[in-house]
Structure formats: structure tokens, C-alpha cells
Amino acid sequence: MSFPYGESMSSFWVIDTKCKVLPQSVLPQDGSAYYYGRSVVPVESKEAAVEKLVSLLKEQDILVESVMASILYENGRWEGEDDFEIHLSLEESSNSGEIAIGCFISEKSVGHKYKKMFGIEYSKI
């Protein structure tokens, strides 16, 4: 397996989460009930990737309500516009060997194209 940003012995899991952000978190907040994140986790198994990400987010006062999706980076379609900046997260994770938490989009600011992806009812926005 070749990686676009250097050598690695891990797989890169892209994990989409639906989270609640505690008031003391450093993540900017706009009063939304939920925040949607896309992170890159460099480990071999999906189970280990989810466990490590949930633990890291909890340390940062971000509680995972649900894992919306998890896919190996190499199996995803990442071309085109990407509000989550997945290519930057992959580069960061590849270079550091650590989890790249990536971007979060608040429930109030999520665009039309993500409403279906995250299963958000239009009346909630």
C-alpha cells in the first residue's frame, strides 16, 4: 500500500461523527445541539480507530453521540469540494502518525449537501 504523504505502517481510517460539545471545550460553538466531525485515524482496525478517536475527543470535552461512517481513506471518494479538508487531515496524520481530528461543522451551519449525509431533518436547522 502506498500513501500519498510519506511512509506508514498503519491504515488511515476516515471517521465521521455526530458529537455533543461541552461548554468548556475549546471548539468554537454556536449553540448547536450537535457538531459533525470528520477525522483521520492511523491504525489497522476500524474498531481500534473508533475507540482511539472517541477517547481523544472525550479528553477535549467532545462527546461522540454516534459514528456516522467509517471507511479506509483509500476506499473513499475524496475529489471535489471538501468542507472537511480531508486531504489536509490525511497529510497531518501521515506526517505525525497521530489522529488528525480535522474539521467540525455545527448543526446550525451544515450545508444542504451534508443534511442528507448526516440524516439531519430540515426542520431542525
Protein backbone atom coordinates (compact mmCIF):
# COMPACT_ATOMS: atom_id res chain seq x y z
CA MET A 1 0.00 0.00 0.00
CA SER A 2 1.39 3.40 -0.87
CA PHE A 3 0.46 6.57 0.96
CA PRO A 4 0.38 9.99 -0.64
CA TYR A 5 2.26 11.65 2.22
CA GLY A 6 5.21 9.51 3.24
CA GLU A 7 5.59 6.04 4.63
CA SER A 8 3.31 4.44 7.19
CA MET A 9 2.63 1.01 8.55
CA SER A 10 -0.94 1.91 9.54
CA SER A 11 -4.17 2.14 7.64
CA PHE A 12 -5.88 5.52 7.61
CA TRP A 13 -9.49 5.42 8.74
CA VAL A 14 -11.77 8.35 7.95
CA ILE A 15 -14.42 8.54 10.66
CA ASP A 16 -17.50 10.76 10.60
CA THR A 17 -19.00 11.51 14.00
CA LYS A 18 -22.02 13.24 15.47
CA CYS A 19 -20.95 14.89 18.72
CA LYS A 20 -22.09 16.99 21.62
CA VAL A 21 -19.59 19.65 22.62
CA LEU A 22 -19.34 20.51 26.29
CA PRO A 23 -19.27 24.24 27.14
CA GLN A 24 -15.66 24.07 28.41
CA SER A 25 -14.35 22.67 25.09
CA VAL A 26 -12.03 24.88 23.05
CA LEU A 27 -14.02 24.02 19.92
CA PRO A 28 -15.84 27.16 18.74
CA GLN A 29 -19.57 26.81 19.41
CA ASP A 30 -22.67 28.48 18.01
CA GLY A 31 -25.31 26.95 20.28
CA SER A 32 -25.97 23.92 18.08
CA ALA A 33 -27.06 20.73 19.79
CA TYR A 34 -24.73 18.66 17.59
CA TYR A 35 -21.47 19.07 15.71
CA TYR A 36 -20.39 16.81 12.87
CA GLY A 37 -16.75 15.90 12.50
CA ARG A 38 -14.55 14.05 10.06
CA SER A 39 -11.26 12.76 11.44
CA VAL A 40 -8.38 10.61 10.20
CA VAL A 41 -7.10 7.86 12.47
CA PRO A 42 -3.93 5.89 11.63
CA VAL A 43 -4.46 2.35 12.98
CA GLU A 44 -5.00 -1.08 11.46
CA SER A 45 -8.59 -1.86 12.50
CA LYS A 46 -11.83 0.09 12.36
CA GLU A 47 -12.67 -0.87 15.94
CA ALA A 48 -9.34 0.45 17.25
CA ALA A 49 -9.73 3.63 15.18
CA VAL A 50 -13.17 4.38 16.62
CA GLU A 51 -12.02 3.62 20.17
CA LYS A 52 -8.96 5.88 19.91
CA LEU A 53 -10.92 8.74 18.34
CA VAL A 54 -13.73 8.60 20.92
CA SER A 55 -11.15 8.65 23.71
CA LEU A 56 -9.21 11.60 22.25
CA LEU A 57 -12.36 13.64 21.65
CA LYS A 58 -13.55 12.96 25.19
CA GLU A 59 -10.26 14.38 26.50
CA GLN A 60 -11.13 17.56 24.59
CA ASP A 61 -14.67 17.76 26.02
CA ILE A 62 -16.29 16.49 22.84
CA LEU A 63 -18.64 13.54 23.36
CA VAL A 64 -19.37 11.21 20.45
CA GLU A 65 -23.10 10.55 20.18
CA SER A 66 -22.70 8.26 17.18
CA VAL A 67 -20.29 7.17 14.49
CA MET A 68 -21.98 8.11 11.23
CA ALA A 69 -19.46 6.40 8.94
CA SER A 70 -16.02 4.84 8.94
CA ILE A 71 -14.05 3.98 5.82
CA LEU A 72 -10.47 3.39 4.83
CA TYR A 73 -9.13 6.51 3.17
CA GLU A 74 -8.08 4.55 0.10
CA ASN A 75 -11.65 3.29 -0.40
CA GLY A 76 -13.31 6.73 -0.27
CA ARG A 77 -14.09 9.29 -2.94
CA TRP A 78 -12.41 12.49 -1.86
CA GLU A 79 -12.23 14.54 -5.05
CA GLY A 80 -14.15 17.78 -5.42
CA GLU A 81 -15.17 20.32 -2.81
CA ASP A 82 -14.47 19.12 0.71
CA ASP A 83 -15.54 21.34 3.58
CA PHE A 84 -13.94 18.86 5.97
CA GLU A 85 -10.48 19.32 4.36
CA ILE A 86 -9.84 15.58 4.42
CA HIS A 87 -6.65 15.88 2.36
CA LEU A 88 -5.10 18.17 4.98
CA SER A 89 -6.15 15.80 7.77
CA LEU A 90 -4.60 12.86 5.92
CA GLU A 91 -1.36 14.77 5.43
CA GLU A 92 -1.26 15.75 9.12
CA SER A 93 -1.98 12.21 10.30
CA SER A 94 0.50 10.68 7.87
CA ASN A 95 3.29 13.05 8.89
CA SER A 96 2.70 12.77 12.64
CA GLY A 97 1.43 9.21 12.99
CA GLU A 98 -1.30 10.68 15.25
CA ILE A 99 -5.04 11.23 14.94
CA ALA A 100 -5.99 14.30 12.92
CA ILE A 101 -9.26 15.48 14.43
CA GLY A 102 -9.97 17.50 11.32
CA CYS A 103 -12.92 19.82 10.88
CA PHE A 104 -16.26 20.08 12.64
CA ILE A 105 -19.40 21.58 11.17
CA SER A 106 -22.16 22.71 13.52
CA GLU A 107 -25.74 21.57 13.11
CA LYS A 108 -26.79 25.19 12.54
CA SER A 109 -24.23 25.78 9.79
CA VAL A 110 -24.31 22.44 7.98
CA GLY A 111 -24.95 22.97 4.29
CA HIS A 112 -27.66 21.35 2.17
CA LYS A 113 -25.28 18.74 0.73
CA TYR A 114 -24.49 17.42 4.22
CA LYS A 115 -28.05 17.29 5.53
CA LYS A 116 -28.77 14.05 3.70
CA MET A 117 -25.32 12.63 4.50
CA PHE A 118 -25.80 13.18 8.24
CA GLY A 119 -29.52 12.39 8.27
CA ILE A 120 -30.48 15.83 9.58
CA GLU A 121 -34.14 16.77 9.36
CA TYR A 122 -34.64 20.07 7.59
CA SER A 123 -36.97 21.35 10.28
CA LYS A 124 -34.18 21.15 12.88
CA ILE A 125 -31.99 23.66 11.08
